[in-house]
Amino acid sequence: MKSFLNVQDLGDLKAALAEAAELKANRFKYDTLGKNKTLLMVFFNNSLRTRLSTQKAAMNLGMNVIVLDVNAGAWKLETERGVVMDGDKSEHLLEAIPVMGSYCDIVGIRSFAGLSDRDYDYAETVYHQFEKYSGKPVFAMETATVHPLQAFADLITIAEHKRPHRPKVVLTWAPHPKSLPQAVPNSFAQWMVEADRQGLPLALDGAEQGIDFVITHPEGYELDPAFTRGARIEYDQQKAFEGADFVYAKNWSCPGIGRYAKDYGRILHDYHTMMQWTVDARHMAWTNDAHFMHCLPVRRGMIVTDDVIESPTSLVIPEAANRELSATVVLKHFLQEM
């Protein structure tokens, strides 16, 4: 594995879940695998769970870790080719990347969408520059379009909370005061669709396999079919929630699909309309006593009410804790193939 961006890069999800369970039982089983190897974590954007969990995962494997916050102490980096650098950016990414690569063995990249140029964002320009010029394996710590470490941790969490039947998993759009990227919902959808395609045994008896996966959102928030193909789309939130075993709430801005192409990165609805999508006790009553999930950080009172996120069926803390496991499995794959 030279790159970890999409679910297909990890391969067999049943085997990956077994690795995660093995590591949860003994987090330091492979603590010499990364001896004398260095992980460089490059952050173009803020982070809490990704930074802490990925650094802990590398330490579990015996790696050295370097963390670079590009916007806090480094030179400002230009990412576009063919520009005259007469502004406040002192160094070009095309020189910075190979220098970074010379100091490490694996590179993790966190670089969010700008939400102004869909073609630029969905081309994953920054990530692929690191792939091309660093000379080292590269993995996504959330990019313009995906967050695979989060989605893998979400899958681990669902697998740990099996139901007696094939689980119904609902990804629901929820309100937010700012425009947010589509990376988390894109990856969650991609990983749930693939888990269903691979027929993962996610029921207690293993007899019914895969996932009944539904996405619900207002019109105009249709995610890119490259990530959702195979999922059911339901615009009626109540119908989507009925019988759900897991509810994953997340906001995202307009992905700019079809007749909404010119609205990429925008919030499409007024405040009152948005707030009808907040996950509260009334919404959860439509479900099959569903577990509540969210990637965090979460806007209480907008995405979800206090009583739901603090309920016994909320999985937001175990879900976040599993970020350490998803990162450990991914780094282990890189190291074993070196």
C-alpha atoms as a PDB file:
ATOM      1  CA  MET A   1       0.000   0.000   0.000  1.00  0.00           C
ATOM      2  CA  LYS A   2       1.524   3.283  -1.148  1.00  0.00           C
ATOM      3  CA  SER A   3      -1.499   5.486  -0.557  1.00  0.00           C
ATOM      4  CA  PHE A   4      -4.539   5.438   1.729  1.00  0.00           C
ATOM      5  CA  LEU A   5      -7.303   7.676   0.458  1.00  0.00           C
ATOM      6  CA  ASN A   6     -10.281   5.447  -0.315  1.00  0.00           C
ATOM      7  CA  VAL A   7     -11.782   2.273   1.125  1.00  0.00           C
ATOM      8  CA  GLN A   8     -10.440   0.174  -1.745  1.00  0.00           C
ATOM      9  CA  ASP A   9      -6.883   0.979  -0.639  1.00  0.00           C
ATOM     10  CA  LEU A  10      -7.396  -1.132   2.510  1.00  0.00           C
ATOM     11  CA  GLY A  11      -8.882  -4.106   0.675  1.00  0.00           C
ATOM     12  CA  ASP A  12     -10.604  -6.846   2.694  1.00  0.00           C
ATOM     13  CA  LEU A  13     -12.689  -5.080   5.354  1.00  0.00           C
ATOM     14  CA  LYS A  14     -13.399  -8.262   7.311  1.00  0.00           C
ATOM     15  CA  ALA A  15      -9.648  -8.798   7.702  1.00  0.00           C
ATOM     16  CA  ALA A  16      -9.142  -5.128   8.623  1.00  0.00           C
ATOM     17  CA  LEU A  17     -11.805  -5.364  11.336  1.00  0.00           C
ATOM     18  CA  ALA A  18     -10.113  -8.490  12.690  1.00  0.00           C
ATOM     19  CA  GLU A  19      -6.812  -6.569  12.836  1.00  0.00           C
ATOM     20  CA  ALA A  20      -8.521  -3.745  14.725  1.00  0.00           C
ATOM     21  CA  ALA A  21      -9.941  -6.221  17.257  1.00  0.00           C
ATOM     22  CA  GLU A  22      -6.503  -7.813  17.660  1.00  0.00           C
ATOM     23  CA  LEU A  23      -4.926  -4.426  18.308  1.00  0.00           C
ATOM     24  CA  LYS A  24      -7.650  -3.406  20.730  1.00  0.00           C
ATOM     25  CA  ALA A  25      -6.804  -6.479  22.807  1.00  0.00           C
ATOM     26  CA  ASN A  26      -3.076  -5.645  22.670  1.00  0.00           C
ATOM     27  CA  ARG A  27      -2.233  -2.188  21.337  1.00  0.00           C
ATOM     28  CA  PHE A  28       1.511  -2.787  21.598  1.00  0.00           C
ATOM     29  CA  LYS A  29       1.680  -6.200  19.929  1.00  0.00           C
ATOM     30  CA  TYR A  30       3.648  -4.693  17.031  1.00  0.00           C
ATOM     31  CA  ASP A  31       5.610  -2.116  19.019  1.00  0.00           C
ATOM     32  CA  THR A  32       8.886  -2.893  17.214  1.00  0.00           C
ATOM     33  CA  LEU A  33       7.440  -2.836  13.705  1.00  0.00           C
ATOM     34  CA  GLY A  34       8.119   0.890  13.323  1.00  0.00           C
ATOM     35  CA  LYS A  35      11.533   0.952  14.994  1.00  0.00           C
ATOM     36  CA  ASN A  36      13.770   3.600  13.365  1.00  0.00           C
ATOM     37  CA  LYS A  37      10.888   4.667  11.101  1.00  0.00           C
ATOM     38  CA  THR A  38       9.507   8.213  11.151  1.00  0.00           C
ATOM     39  CA  LEU A  39       5.978   9.443  10.537  1.00  0.00           C
ATOM     40  CA  LEU A  40       5.551  13.043   9.367  1.00  0.00           C
ATOM     41  CA  MET A  41       2.091  14.488  10.016  1.00  0.00           C
ATOM     42  CA  VAL A  42       1.413  17.643   7.968  1.00  0.00           C
ATOM     43  CA  PHE A  43      -1.540  19.790   9.051  1.00  0.00           C
ATOM     44  CA  PHE A  44      -2.881  22.544   6.837  1.00  0.00           C
ATOM     45  CA  ASN A  45      -5.969  22.682   9.094  1.00  0.00           C
ATOM     46  CA  ASN A  46      -6.868  22.328  12.756  1.00  0.00           C
ATOM     47  CA  SER A  47      -7.183  18.936  14.398  1.00  0.00           C
ATOM     48  CA  LEU A  48      -7.827  17.310  17.760  1.00  0.00           C
ATOM     49  CA  ARG A  49      -8.833  13.627  17.369  1.00  0.00           C
ATOM     50  CA  THR A  50      -6.899  13.061  14.146  1.00  0.00           C
ATOM     51  CA  ARG A  51      -3.708  14.534  15.523  1.00  0.00           C
ATOM     52  CA  LEU A  52      -3.823  12.763  18.885  1.00  0.00           C
ATOM     53  CA  SER A  53      -5.069   9.391  17.648  1.00  0.00           C
ATOM     54  CA  THR A  54      -2.654   9.148  14.713  1.00  0.00           C
ATOM     55  CA  GLN A  55       0.327  10.162  16.815  1.00  0.00           C
ATOM     56  CA  LYS A  56      -0.683   7.601  19.466  1.00  0.00           C
ATOM     57  CA  ALA A  57      -1.065   4.930  16.766  1.00  0.00           C
ATOM     58  CA  ALA A  58       2.454   5.615  15.470  1.00  0.00           C
ATOM     59  CA  MET A  59       3.842   5.428  18.996  1.00  0.00           C
ATOM     60  CA  ASN A  60       2.040   2.098  19.538  1.00  0.00           C
ATOM     61  CA  LEU A  61       4.036   0.765  16.578  1.00  0.00           C
ATOM     62  CA  GLY A  62       7.344   2.143  17.848  1.00  0.00           C
ATOM     63  CA  MET A  63       7.639   4.968  15.313  1.00  0.00           C
ATOM     64  CA  ASN A  64       9.190   8.398  15.687  1.00  0.00           C
ATOM     65  CA  VAL A  65       6.722  11.222  14.972  1.00  0.00           C
ATOM     66  CA  ILE A  66       7.211  14.710  13.533  1.00  0.00           C
ATOM     67  CA  VAL A  67       4.221  17.077  13.500  1.00  0.00           C
ATOM     68  CA  LEU A  68       4.201  20.089  11.186  1.00  0.00           C
ATOM     69  CA  ASP A  69       1.474  22.715  11.577  1.00  0.00           C
ATOM     70  CA  VAL A  70       1.879  24.571   8.301  1.00  0.00           C
ATOM     71  CA  ASN A  71       0.015  27.654   9.534  1.00  0.00           C
ATOM     72  CA  ALA A  72       1.821  27.881  12.876  1.00  0.00           C
ATOM     73  CA  GLY A  73       5.530  28.536  12.467  1.00  0.00           C
ATOM     74  CA  ALA A  74       6.265  27.250   8.953  1.00  0.00           C
ATOM     75  CA  TRP A  75       6.680  29.354   5.839  1.00  0.00           C
ATOM     76  CA  LYS A  76       3.420  30.108   4.086  1.00  0.00           C
ATOM     77  CA  LEU A  77       3.151  27.671   1.195  1.00  0.00           C
ATOM     78  CA  GLU A  78       2.060  28.320  -2.366  1.00  0.00           C
ATOM     79  CA  THR A  79       0.168  25.378  -3.894  1.00  0.00           C
ATOM     80  CA  GLU A  80      -0.539  26.625  -7.428  1.00  0.00           C
ATOM     81  CA  ARG A  81       1.844  26.169 -10.343  1.00  0.00           C
ATOM     82  CA  GLY A  82       2.709  28.987 -12.740  1.00  0.00           C
ATOM     83  CA  VAL A  83       2.135  31.827 -10.284  1.00  0.00           C
ATOM     84  CA  VAL A  84       4.367  34.832  -9.604  1.00  0.00           C
ATOM     85  CA  MET A  85       5.111  34.520  -5.899  1.00  0.00           C
ATOM     86  CA  ASP A  86       5.072  38.217  -5.051  1.00  0.00           C
ATOM     87  CA  GLY A  87       2.626  37.901  -2.148  1.00  0.00           C
ATOM     88  CA  ASP A  88       2.911  36.592   1.412  1.00  0.00           C
ATOM     89  CA  LYS A  89       3.780  32.987   0.428  1.00  0.00           C
ATOM     90  CA  SER A  90       7.516  32.409   0.718  1.00  0.00           C
ATOM     91  CA  GLU A  91       7.883  28.776  -0.333  1.00  0.00           C
ATOM     92  CA  HIS A  92       6.317  26.583  -2.974  1.00  0.00           C
ATOM     93  CA  LEU A  93       4.848  23.243  -2.038  1.00  0.00           C
ATOM     94  CA  LEU A  94       6.764  21.623  -4.900  1.00  0.00           C
ATOM     95  CA  GLU A  95      10.075  22.368  -3.156  1.00  0.00           C
ATOM     96  CA  ALA A  96       8.709  21.837   0.354  1.00  0.00           C
ATOM     97  CA  ILE A  97       7.277  18.369  -0.355  1.00  0.00           C
ATOM     98  CA  PRO A  98      10.507  16.593  -1.377  1.00  0.00           C
ATOM     99  CA  VAL A  99      12.285  18.229   1.560  1.00  0.00           C
ATOM    100  CA  MET A 100       9.618  16.895   3.916  1.00  0.00           C
ATOM    101  CA  GLY A 101       9.899  13.477   2.306  1.00  0.00           C
ATOM    102  CA  SER A 102      13.630  13.373   2.959  1.00  0.00           C
ATOM    103  CA  TYR A 103      13.004  13.517   6.716  1.00  0.00           C
ATOM    104  CA  CYS A 104      10.494  10.670   7.062  1.00  0.00           C
ATOM    105  CA  ASP A 105       9.261   7.260   5.928  1.00  0.00           C
ATOM    106  CA  ILE A 106       5.487   7.875   5.824  1.00  0.00           C
ATOM    107  CA  VAL A 107       3.541  11.131   5.336  1.00  0.00           C
ATOM    108  CA  GLY A 108       0.052  11.953   6.641  1.00  0.00           C
ATOM    109  CA  ILE A 109      -1.776  14.919   5.087  1.00  0.00           C
ATOM    110  CA  ARG A 110      -4.657  17.015   6.453  1.00  0.00           C
ATOM    111  CA  SER A 111      -5.877  19.617   3.976  1.00  0.00           C
ATOM    112  CA  PHE A 112      -9.519  20.692   3.787  1.00  0.00           C
ATOM    113  CA  ALA A 113     -11.601  21.784   0.818  1.00  0.00           C
ATOM    114  CA  GLY A 114     -11.602  25.471  -0.053  1.00  0.00           C
ATOM    115  CA  LEU A 115     -15.292  25.193  -1.082  1.00  0.00           C
ATOM    116  CA  SER A 116     -14.907  27.765  -3.850  1.00  0.00           C
ATOM    117  CA  ASP A 117     -13.549  25.674  -6.752  1.00  0.00           C
ATOM    118  CA  ARG A 118     -15.143  22.223  -6.936  1.00  0.00           C
ATOM    119  CA  ASP A 119     -12.832  20.961  -9.675  1.00  0.00           C
ATOM    120  CA  TYR A 120      -9.746  21.889  -7.639  1.00  0.00           C
ATOM    121  CA  ASP A 121     -11.128  20.334  -4.444  1.00  0.00           C
ATOM    122  CA  TYR A 122     -12.348  17.108  -6.031  1.00  0.00           C
ATOM    123  CA  ALA A 123      -9.076  16.662  -7.923  1.00  0.00           C
ATOM    124  CA  GLU A 124      -7.410  16.318  -4.481  1.00  0.00           C
ATOM    125  CA  THR A 125      -4.651  18.587  -5.767  1.00  0.00           C
ATOM    126  CA  VAL A 126      -2.631  18.931  -2.555  1.00  0.00           C
ATOM    127  CA  TYR A 127      -2.835  15.255  -1.617  1.00  0.00           C
ATOM    128  CA  HIS A 128      -1.726  14.056  -5.040  1.00  0.00           C
ATOM    129  CA  GLN A 129       1.187  16.500  -5.045  1.00  0.00           C
ATOM    130  CA  PHE A 130       2.465  14.760  -1.909  1.00  0.00           C
ATOM    131  CA  GLU A 131       1.981  11.384  -3.592  1.00  0.00           C
ATOM    132  CA  LYS A 132       3.943  12.528  -6.623  1.00  0.00           C
ATOM    133  CA  TYR A 133       6.790  14.506  -5.071  1.00  0.00           C
ATOM    134  CA  SER A 134       7.436  13.153  -1.562  1.00  0.00           C
ATOM    135  CA  GLY A 135       8.764   9.774  -2.669  1.00  0.00           C
ATOM    136  CA  LYS A 136       7.085   8.213   0.391  1.00  0.00           C
ATOM    137  CA  PRO A 137       3.785   6.439   1.173  1.00  0.00           C
ATOM    138  CA  VAL A 138       1.034   8.969   1.858  1.00  0.00           C
ATOM    139  CA  PHE A 139      -2.249   8.724   3.737  1.00  0.00           C
ATOM    140  CA  ALA A 140      -5.201  11.042   4.266  1.00  0.00           C
ATOM    141  CA  MET A 141      -5.880  12.587   7.671  1.00  0.00           C
ATOM    142  CA  GLU A 142      -8.890  14.304   6.005  1.00  0.00           C
ATOM    143  CA  THR A 143      -8.576  15.888   2.623  1.00  0.00           C
ATOM    144  CA  ALA A 144     -10.785  18.012   0.407  1.00  0.00           C
ATOM    145  CA  THR A 145     -13.156  15.116  -0.314  1.00  0.00           C
ATOM    146  CA  VAL A 146     -12.525  12.224   2.104  1.00  0.00           C
ATOM    147  CA  HIS A 147     -11.738  11.263   5.690  1.00  0.00           C
ATOM    148  CA  PRO A 148     -11.009   7.516   5.522  1.00  0.00           C
ATOM    149  CA  LEU A 149      -9.503   7.147   9.016  1.00  0.00           C
ATOM    150  CA  GLN A 150     -12.772   8.464  10.459  1.00  0.00           C
ATOM    151  CA  ALA A 151     -14.924   6.209   8.288  1.00  0.00           C
ATOM    152  CA  PHE A 152     -12.832   3.160   9.217  1.00  0.00           C
ATOM    153  CA  ALA A 153     -13.250   4.007  12.916  1.00  0.00           C
ATOM    154  CA  ASP A 154     -17.005   4.387  12.320  1.00  0.00           C
ATOM    155  CA  LEU A 155     -17.129   0.917  10.762  1.00  0.00           C
ATOM    156  CA  ILE A 156     -15.176  -0.553  13.694  1.00  0.00           C
ATOM    157  CA  THR A 157     -17.702   1.046  16.079  1.00  0.00           C
ATOM    158  CA  ILE A 158     -20.706  -0.348  14.224  1.00  0.00           C
ATOM    159  CA  ALA A 159     -19.092  -3.802  14.167  1.00  0.00           C
ATOM    160  CA  GLU A 160     -18.583  -3.621  17.946  1.00  0.00           C
ATOM    161  CA  HIS A 161     -22.283  -2.883  18.564  1.00  0.00           C
ATOM    162  CA  LYS A 162     -23.903  -5.632  16.532  1.00  0.00           C
ATOM    163  CA  ARG A 163     -27.669  -6.058  16.439  1.00  0.00           C
ATOM    164  CA  PRO A 164     -29.552  -9.374  16.118  1.00  0.00           C
ATOM    165  CA  HIS A 165     -30.335  -8.524  12.509  1.00  0.00           C
ATOM    166  CA  ARG A 166     -28.798  -6.871   9.457  1.00  0.00           C
ATOM    167  CA  PRO A 167     -28.295  -3.303  10.708  1.00  0.00           C
ATOM    168  CA  LYS A 168     -29.987  -0.292   9.178  1.00  0.00           C
ATOM    169  CA  VAL A 169     -27.541   2.623   9.143  1.00  0.00           C
ATOM    170  CA  VAL A 170     -28.764   6.139   8.360  1.00  0.00           C
ATOM    171  CA  LEU A 171     -26.558   9.069   7.427  1.00  0.00           C
ATOM    172  CA  THR A 172     -28.558  12.223   8.081  1.00  0.00           C
ATOM    173  CA  TRP A 173     -27.759  15.784   7.099  1.00  0.00           C
ATOM    174  CA  ALA A 174     -27.980  18.172  10.056  1.00  0.00           C
ATOM    175  CA  PRO A 175     -27.797  21.981  10.372  1.00  0.00           C
ATOM    176  CA  HIS A 176     -24.647  24.018  10.944  1.00  0.00           C
ATOM    177  CA  PRO A 177     -23.984  27.784  10.980  1.00  0.00           C
ATOM    178  CA  LYS A 178     -21.044  27.537   8.558  1.00  0.00           C
ATOM    179  CA  SER A 179     -20.416  25.849   5.218  1.00  0.00           C
ATOM    180  CA  LEU A 180     -18.609  22.557   5.787  1.00  0.00           C
ATOM    181  CA  PRO A 181     -16.885  20.182   3.337  1.00  0.00           C
ATOM    182  CA  GLN A 182     -18.316  16.847   2.248  1.00  0.00           C
ATOM    183  CA  ALA A 183     -15.266  14.787   3.292  1.00  0.00           C
ATOM    184  CA  VAL A 184     -16.777  12.968   6.300  1.00  0.00           C
ATOM    185  CA  PRO A 185     -20.132  12.088   4.684  1.00  0.00           C
ATOM    186  CA  ASN A 186     -18.384  11.116   1.438  1.00  0.00           C
ATOM    187  CA  SER A 187     -16.136   8.641   3.232  1.00  0.00           C
ATOM    188  CA  PHE A 188     -18.862   7.343   5.538  1.00  0.00           C
ATOM    189  CA  ALA A 189     -21.062   6.641   2.533  1.00  0.00           C
ATOM    190  CA  GLN A 190     -18.215   5.035   0.597  1.00  0.00           C
ATOM    191  CA  TRP A 191     -17.271   2.744   3.489  1.00  0.00           C
ATOM    192  CA  MET A 192     -20.872   1.727   4.286  1.00  0.00           C
ATOM    193  CA  VAL A 193     -21.567   0.910   0.637  1.00  0.00           C
ATOM    194  CA  GLU A 194     -18.380  -1.153   0.439  1.00  0.00           C
ATOM    195  CA  ALA A 195     -19.144  -2.944   3.726  1.00  0.00           C
ATOM    196  CA  ASP A 196     -22.502  -3.929   2.275  1.00  0.00           C
ATOM    197  CA  ARG A 197     -20.915  -4.980  -1.036  1.00  0.00           C
ATOM    198  CA  GLN A 198     -18.405  -7.183   0.784  1.00  0.00           C
ATOM    199  CA  GLY A 199     -21.223  -8.673   2.890  1.00  0.00           C
ATOM    200  CA  LEU A 200     -19.623  -8.036   6.259  1.00  0.00           C
ATOM    201  CA  PRO A 201     -21.141 -10.130   9.096  1.00  0.00           C
ATOM    202  CA  LEU A 202     -22.491  -7.246  11.182  1.00  0.00           C
ATOM    203  CA  ALA A 203     -25.418  -9.112  12.767  1.00  0.00           C
ATOM    204  CA  LEU A 204     -24.938 -11.040  16.024  1.00  0.00           C
ATOM    205  CA  ASP A 205     -25.521 -14.455  14.438  1.00  0.00           C
ATOM    206  CA  GLY A 206     -23.733 -13.519  11.229  1.00  0.00           C
ATOM    207  CA  ALA A 207     -26.636 -14.974   9.244  1.00  0.00           C
ATOM    208  CA  GLU A 208     -27.685 -11.667   7.734  1.00  0.00           C
ATOM    209  CA  GLN A 209     -24.727  -9.838   6.274  1.00  0.00           C
ATOM    210  CA  GLY A 210     -23.985  -6.363   5.048  1.00  0.00           C
ATOM    211  CA  ILE A 211     -25.705  -3.062   5.808  1.00  0.00           C
ATOM    212  CA  ASP A 212     -29.026  -1.500   4.893  1.00  0.00           C
ATOM    213  CA  PHE A 213     -27.613   1.966   4.227  1.00  0.00           C
ATOM    214  CA  VAL A 214     -29.794   5.059   3.764  1.00  0.00           C
ATOM    215  CA  ILE A 215     -28.812   8.712   3.250  1.00  0.00           C
ATOM    216  CA  THR A 216     -31.294  11.476   4.063  1.00  0.00           C
ATOM    217  CA  HIS A 217     -30.954  15.197   3.391  1.00  0.00           C
ATOM    218  CA  PRO A 218     -32.840  18.147   1.906  1.00  0.00           C
ATOM    219  CA  GLU A 219     -32.789  18.631  -1.846  1.00  0.00           C
ATOM    220  CA  GLY A 220     -29.572  20.189  -3.107  1.00  0.00           C
ATOM    221  CA  TYR A 221     -27.253  18.290  -0.763  1.00  0.00           C
ATOM    222  CA  GLU A 222     -26.832  15.222  -2.993  1.00  0.00           C
ATOM    223  CA  LEU A 223     -23.353  13.779  -2.459  1.00  0.00           C
ATOM    224  CA  ASP A 224     -21.171  12.788  -5.381  1.00  0.00           C
ATOM    225  CA  PRO A 225     -22.397   9.443  -6.812  1.00  0.00           C
ATOM    226  CA  ALA A 226     -18.793   8.240  -6.847  1.00  0.00           C
ATOM    227  CA  PHE A 227     -19.177   7.838  -3.067  1.00  0.00           C
ATOM    228  CA  THR A 228     -22.882   7.000  -2.697  1.00  0.00           C
ATOM    229  CA  ARG A 229     -23.631   4.637  -5.582  1.00  0.00           C
ATOM    230  CA  GLY A 230     -25.402   1.661  -3.990  1.00  0.00           C
ATOM    231  CA  ALA A 231     -26.973   3.634  -1.145  1.00  0.00           C
ATOM    232  CA  ARG A 232     -30.659   4.499  -0.861  1.00  0.00           C
ATOM    233  CA  ILE A 233     -31.468   8.216  -0.862  1.00  0.00           C
ATOM    234  CA  GLU A 234     -34.548   9.307   1.110  1.00  0.00           C
ATOM    235  CA  TYR A 235     -35.536  12.982   1.280  1.00  0.00           C
ATOM    236  CA  ASP A 236     -38.137  12.364   4.013  1.00  0.00           C
ATOM    237  CA  GLN A 237     -36.105  12.257   7.230  1.00  0.00           C
ATOM    238  CA  GLN A 238     -38.804  10.452   9.208  1.00  0.00           C
ATOM    239  CA  LYS A 239     -39.089   7.661   6.646  1.00  0.00           C
ATOM    240  CA  ALA A 240     -35.305   7.316   6.635  1.00  0.00           C
ATOM    241  CA  PHE A 241     -35.130   7.065  10.435  1.00  0.00           C
ATOM    242  CA  GLU A 242     -37.862   4.424  10.764  1.00  0.00           C
ATOM    243  CA  GLY A 243     -36.321   1.178  12.005  1.00  0.00           C
ATOM    244  CA  ALA A 244     -32.781   2.591  12.058  1.00  0.00           C
ATOM    245  CA  ASP A 245     -30.186   0.890  14.270  1.00  0.00           C
ATOM    246  CA  PHE A 246     -27.503   3.566  13.833  1.00  0.00           C
ATOM    247  CA  VAL A 247     -28.021   7.267  13.085  1.00  0.00           C
ATOM    248  CA  TYR A 248     -24.952   9.159  11.895  1.00  0.00           C
ATOM    249  CA  ALA A 249     -25.552  12.924  11.901  1.00  0.00           C
ATOM    250  CA  LYS A 250     -23.316  15.257   9.919  1.00  0.00           C
ATOM    251  CA  ASN A 251     -23.610  18.579   8.180  1.00  0.00           C
ATOM    252  CA  TRP A 252     -22.223  19.266   4.730  1.00  0.00           C
ATOM    253  CA  SER A 253     -22.546  22.156   2.319  1.00  0.00           C
ATOM    254  CA  CYS A 254     -23.956  21.851  -1.185  1.00  0.00           C
ATOM    255  CA  PRO A 255     -21.751  19.403  -3.152  1.00  0.00           C
ATOM    256  CA  GLY A 256     -22.563  21.175  -6.429  1.00  0.00           C
ATOM    257  CA  ILE A 257     -24.262  18.299  -8.260  1.00  0.00           C
ATOM    258  CA  GLY A 258     -26.604  18.670 -11.258  1.00  0.00           C
ATOM    259  CA  ARG A 259     -28.767  21.780 -11.235  1.00  0.00           C
ATOM    260  CA  TYR A 260     -27.040  22.875  -8.027  1.00  0.00           C
ATOM    261  CA  ALA A 261     -23.616  23.014  -9.707  1.00  0.00           C
ATOM    262  CA  LYS A 262     -23.321  26.766  -9.157  1.00  0.00           C
ATOM    263  CA  ASP A 263     -24.117  26.385  -5.457  1.00  0.00           C
ATOM    264  CA  TYR A 264     -21.025  24.364  -4.531  1.00  0.00           C
ATOM    265  CA  GLY A 265     -19.982  25.049  -0.948  1.00  0.00           C
ATOM    266  CA  ARG A 266     -23.105  27.029  -0.072  1.00  0.00           C
ATOM    267  CA  ILE A 267     -25.791  26.649   2.604  1.00  0.00           C
ATOM    268  CA  LEU A 268     -29.060  26.373   0.682  1.00  0.00           C
ATOM    269  CA  HIS A 269     -31.752  26.752   3.325  1.00  0.00           C
ATOM    270  CA  ASP A 270     -32.882  29.354   5.825  1.00  0.00           C
ATOM    271  CA  TYR A 271     -32.274  28.900   9.556  1.00  0.00           C
ATOM    272  CA  HIS A 272     -35.807  27.761  10.411  1.00  0.00           C
ATOM    273  CA  THR A 273     -35.858  25.105   7.677  1.00  0.00           C
ATOM    274  CA  MET A 274     -32.417  23.824   8.676  1.00  0.00           C
ATOM    275  CA  MET A 275     -33.302  23.454  12.349  1.00  0.00           C
ATOM    276  CA  GLN A 276     -36.063  20.980  11.529  1.00  0.00           C
ATOM    277  CA  TRP A 277     -33.257  18.502  10.756  1.00  0.00           C
ATOM    278  CA  THR A 278     -31.637  18.707  14.224  1.00  0.00           C
ATOM    279  CA  VAL A 279     -31.494  15.207  15.736  1.00  0.00           C
ATOM    280  CA  ASP A 280     -33.543  15.305  18.937  1.00  0.00           C
ATOM    281  CA  ALA A 281     -35.547  12.844  21.025  1.00  0.00           C
ATOM    282  CA  ARG A 282     -38.517  13.099  18.662  1.00  0.00           C
ATOM    283  CA  HIS A 283     -36.341  12.065  15.730  1.00  0.00           C
ATOM    284  CA  MET A 284     -34.729   9.202  17.656  1.00  0.00           C
ATOM    285  CA  ALA A 285     -38.170   7.904  18.669  1.00  0.00           C
ATOM    286  CA  TRP A 286     -38.708   7.011  15.002  1.00  0.00           C
ATOM    287  CA  THR A 287     -35.777   4.562  15.153  1.00  0.00           C
ATOM    288  CA  ASN A 288     -35.190   1.058  16.480  1.00  0.00           C
ATOM    289  CA  ASP A 289     -33.630   2.451  19.689  1.00  0.00           C
ATOM    290  CA  ALA A 290     -30.755   3.542  17.463  1.00  0.00           C
ATOM    291  CA  HIS A 291     -27.226   4.375  18.480  1.00  0.00           C
ATOM    292  CA  PHE A 292     -26.300   7.991  17.780  1.00  0.00           C
ATOM    293  CA  MET A 293     -22.998   8.664  15.980  1.00  0.00           C
ATOM    294  CA  HIS A 294     -21.035  11.773  15.024  1.00  0.00           C
ATOM    295  CA  CYS A 295     -17.377  12.348  14.118  1.00  0.00           C
ATOM    296  CA  LEU A 296     -16.935  15.327  16.499  1.00  0.00           C
ATOM    297  CA  PRO A 297     -16.557  18.207  17.107  1.00  0.00           C
ATOM    298  CA  VAL A 298     -20.313  18.684  17.254  1.00  0.00           C
ATOM    299  CA  ARG A 299     -22.482  21.803  17.541  1.00  0.00           C
ATOM    300  CA  ARG A 300     -24.897  20.982  20.352  1.00  0.00           C
ATOM    301  CA  GLY A 301     -28.365  22.370  19.807  1.00  0.00           C
ATOM    302  CA  MET A 302     -27.832  22.414  16.039  1.00  0.00           C
ATOM    303  CA  ILE A 303     -26.577  19.004  14.959  1.00  0.00           C
ATOM    304  CA  VAL A 304     -27.956  17.200  18.011  1.00  0.00           C
ATOM    305  CA  THR A 305     -29.638  17.997  21.317  1.00  0.00           C
ATOM    306  CA  ASP A 306     -27.972  17.418  24.684  1.00  0.00           C
ATOM    307  CA  ASP A 307     -30.298  14.579  25.679  1.00  0.00           C
ATOM    308  CA  VAL A 308     -29.480  12.564  22.545  1.00  0.00           C
ATOM    309  CA  ILE A 309     -25.705  12.978  22.570  1.00  0.00           C
ATOM    310  CA  GLU A 310     -25.597  12.249  26.310  1.00  0.00           C
ATOM    311  CA  SER A 311     -27.932   9.246  26.125  1.00  0.00           C
ATOM    312  CA  PRO A 312     -26.783   5.650  26.840  1.00  0.00           C
ATOM    313  CA  THR A 313     -27.091   4.884  23.129  1.00  0.00           C
ATOM    314  CA  SER A 314     -24.675   7.634  22.066  1.00  0.00           C
ATOM    315  CA  LEU A 315     -21.437   6.255  20.624  1.00  0.00           C
ATOM    316  CA  VAL A 316     -19.526   9.478  20.008  1.00  0.00           C
ATOM    317  CA  ILE A 317     -16.821   8.752  22.620  1.00  0.00           C
ATOM    318  CA  PRO A 318     -16.181   5.074  21.705  1.00  0.00           C
ATOM    319  CA  GLU A 319     -16.239   6.154  18.065  1.00  0.00           C
ATOM    320  CA  ALA A 320     -13.545   8.771  18.717  1.00  0.00           C
ATOM    321  CA  ALA A 321     -11.481   6.293  20.748  1.00  0.00           C
ATOM    322  CA  ASN A 322     -11.536   3.886  17.798  1.00  0.00           C
ATOM    323  CA  ARG A 323      -9.684   6.464  15.733  1.00  0.00           C
ATOM    324  CA  GLU A 324      -6.518   5.162  17.397  1.00  0.00           C
ATOM    325  CA  LEU A 325      -7.289   1.669  16.107  1.00  0.00           C
ATOM    326  CA  SER A 326      -8.083   2.707  12.542  1.00  0.00           C
ATOM    327  CA  ALA A 327      -4.834   4.676  12.325  1.00  0.00           C
ATOM    328  CA  THR A 328      -2.817   1.826  13.855  1.00  0.00           C
ATOM    329  CA  VAL A 329      -4.144  -0.683  11.313  1.00  0.00           C
ATOM    330  CA  VAL A 330      -3.373   1.646   8.394  1.00  0.00           C
ATOM    331  CA  LEU A 331       0.153   2.475   9.593  1.00  0.00           C
ATOM    332  CA  LYS A 332       0.771  -1.225  10.268  1.00  0.00           C
ATOM    333  CA  HIS A 333      -0.079  -2.004   6.638  1.00  0.00           C
ATOM    334  CA  PHE A 334       2.383   0.612   5.405  1.00  0.00           C
ATOM    335  CA  LEU A 335       5.164  -0.649   7.656  1.00  0.00           C
ATOM    336  CA  GLN A 336       4.631  -4.312   6.808  1.00  0.00           C
ATOM    337  CA  GLU A 337       4.989  -3.550   3.102  1.00  0.00           C
ATOM    338  CA  MET A 338       8.260  -1.619   3.471  1.00  0.00           C
END
